[in-house]
Amino acid sequence: MVQGLVIGVVLLVCVLFWFRKLAPGAYVSVCGAGAATLGRWGVLPGLRSRLERQAPPTGCGGGCAGCKDRGGGCH
């Protein structure tokens, strides 16, 4: 039982590592969705804050220069 749990955790860590390396855009989206879900449920605030740091910024993060860099207008 314990051996299966350890193997499962090691596999999950490996999958997440390679998912982050091979598909960073999808990884960031998954982090944002995970943070939003944890926020709605109100559980694991430490994990939620770590996921929010990896999620894409919403709005004009960084002011008008951030919006213009992404091809949008300012306000």
C-alpha atoms as a PDB file:
ATOM      1  CA  MET A   1       0.000   0.000   0.000  1.00  0.00           C
ATOM      2  CA  VAL A   2       2.687   2.500   0.998  1.00  0.00           C
ATOM      3  CA  GLN A   3       4.861   1.487  -1.926  1.00  0.00           C
ATOM      4  CA  GLY A   4       2.031   2.228  -4.367  1.00  0.00           C
ATOM      5  CA  LEU A   5       1.445   5.621  -2.754  1.00  0.00           C
ATOM      6  CA  VAL A   6       5.135   6.548  -2.997  1.00  0.00           C
ATOM      7  CA  ILE A   7       5.296   5.464  -6.639  1.00  0.00           C
ATOM      8  CA  GLY A   8       2.150   7.486  -7.397  1.00  0.00           C
ATOM      9  CA  VAL A   9       3.599  10.631  -5.821  1.00  0.00           C
ATOM     10  CA  VAL A  10       6.907  10.223  -7.683  1.00  0.00           C
ATOM     11  CA  LEU A  11       5.057   9.762 -10.983  1.00  0.00           C
ATOM     12  CA  LEU A  12       2.882  12.813 -10.325  1.00  0.00           C
ATOM     13  CA  VAL A  13       5.935  14.964  -9.617  1.00  0.00           C
ATOM     14  CA  CYS A  14       7.627  13.756 -12.810  1.00  0.00           C
ATOM     15  CA  VAL A  15       4.525  14.387 -14.922  1.00  0.00           C
ATOM     16  CA  LEU A  16       4.115  17.902 -13.528  1.00  0.00           C
ATOM     17  CA  PHE A  17       7.810  18.658 -14.085  1.00  0.00           C
ATOM     18  CA  TRP A  18       7.712  17.626 -17.746  1.00  0.00           C
ATOM     19  CA  PHE A  19       4.298  19.216 -18.286  1.00  0.00           C
ATOM     20  CA  ARG A  20       5.793  22.517 -17.088  1.00  0.00           C
ATOM     21  CA  LYS A  21       8.834  22.153 -19.378  1.00  0.00           C
ATOM     22  CA  LEU A  22       6.999  21.018 -22.519  1.00  0.00           C
ATOM     23  CA  ALA A  23       3.787  23.050 -22.289  1.00  0.00           C
ATOM     24  CA  PRO A  24       4.393  26.169 -20.177  1.00  0.00           C
ATOM     25  CA  GLY A  25       1.309  27.978 -21.462  1.00  0.00           C
ATOM     26  CA  ALA A  26      -0.966  25.111 -20.516  1.00  0.00           C
ATOM     27  CA  TYR A  27       0.807  24.745 -17.170  1.00  0.00           C
ATOM     28  CA  VAL A  28       0.142  28.396 -16.335  1.00  0.00           C
ATOM     29  CA  SER A  29      -3.529  27.987 -17.250  1.00  0.00           C
ATOM     30  CA  VAL A  30      -3.822  24.903 -15.062  1.00  0.00           C
ATOM     31  CA  CYS A  31      -2.210  26.800 -12.174  1.00  0.00           C
ATOM     32  CA  GLY A  32      -4.723  29.623 -12.548  1.00  0.00           C
ATOM     33  CA  ALA A  33      -7.655  27.217 -12.641  1.00  0.00           C
ATOM     34  CA  GLY A  34      -6.318  25.316  -9.638  1.00  0.00           C
ATOM     35  CA  ALA A  35      -5.888  28.528  -7.630  1.00  0.00           C
ATOM     36  CA  ALA A  36      -9.427  29.636  -8.477  1.00  0.00           C
ATOM     37  CA  THR A  37     -10.841  26.261  -7.462  1.00  0.00           C
ATOM     38  CA  LEU A  38      -8.987  26.235  -4.151  1.00  0.00           C
ATOM     39  CA  GLY A  39     -10.190  29.790  -3.514  1.00  0.00           C
ATOM     40  CA  ARG A  40     -13.821  28.796  -4.089  1.00  0.00           C
ATOM     41  CA  TRP A  41     -13.484  25.801  -1.790  1.00  0.00           C
ATOM     42  CA  GLY A  42     -11.610  27.823   0.832  1.00  0.00           C
ATOM     43  CA  VAL A  43      -8.982  25.124   1.459  1.00  0.00           C
ATOM     44  CA  LEU A  44      -5.176  24.961   1.339  1.00  0.00           C
ATOM     45  CA  PRO A  45      -4.414  28.710   1.339  1.00  0.00           C
ATOM     46  CA  GLY A  46      -0.647  28.105   1.115  1.00  0.00           C
ATOM     47  CA  LEU A  47      -0.954  26.027  -2.049  1.00  0.00           C
ATOM     48  CA  ARG A  48      -3.430  28.521  -3.488  1.00  0.00           C
ATOM     49  CA  SER A  49      -0.996  31.407  -3.039  1.00  0.00           C
ATOM     50  CA  ARG A  50       1.811  29.412  -4.703  1.00  0.00           C
ATOM     51  CA  LEU A  51      -0.439  28.625  -7.668  1.00  0.00           C
ATOM     52  CA  GLU A  52      -1.543  32.266  -7.937  1.00  0.00           C
ATOM     53  CA  ARG A  53       2.089  33.355  -8.276  1.00  0.00           C
ATOM     54  CA  GLN A  54       2.455  31.058 -11.301  1.00  0.00           C
ATOM     55  CA  ALA A  55      -0.893  31.987 -12.858  1.00  0.00           C
ATOM     56  CA  PRO A  56      -1.063  34.636 -15.586  1.00  0.00           C
ATOM     57  CA  PRO A  57      -1.773  38.186 -14.380  1.00  0.00           C
ATOM     58  CA  THR A  58      -5.288  39.469 -14.877  1.00  0.00           C
ATOM     59  CA  GLY A  59      -6.037  42.952 -16.079  1.00  0.00           C
ATOM     60  CA  CYS A  60      -3.235  45.446 -16.560  1.00  0.00           C
ATOM     61  CA  GLY A  61      -0.739  43.908 -14.186  1.00  0.00           C
ATOM     62  CA  GLY A  62       2.098  46.405 -14.077  1.00  0.00           C
ATOM     63  CA  GLY A  63       0.164  49.432 -15.308  1.00  0.00           C
ATOM     64  CA  CYS A  64      -0.357  50.728 -18.816  1.00  0.00           C
ATOM     65  CA  ALA A  65       2.998  49.454 -20.076  1.00  0.00           C
ATOM     66  CA  GLY A  66       1.861  45.885 -19.320  1.00  0.00           C
ATOM     67  CA  CYS A  67      -1.272  46.302 -21.426  1.00  0.00           C
ATOM     68  CA  LYS A  68       0.572  47.832 -24.370  1.00  0.00           C
ATOM     69  CA  ASP A  69       3.140  45.047 -24.339  1.00  0.00           C
ATOM     70  CA  ARG A  70       0.359  42.488 -24.749  1.00  0.00           C
ATOM     71  CA  GLY A  71      -1.127  44.300 -27.746  1.00  0.00           C
ATOM     72  CA  GLY A  72      -4.009  45.923 -25.900  1.00  0.00           C
ATOM     73  CA  GLY A  73      -4.809  49.541 -25.244  1.00  0.00           C
ATOM     74  CA  CYS A  74      -4.572  51.286 -21.915  1.00  0.00           C
ATOM     75  CA  HIS A  75      -7.878  51.680 -20.067  1.00  0.00           C
END
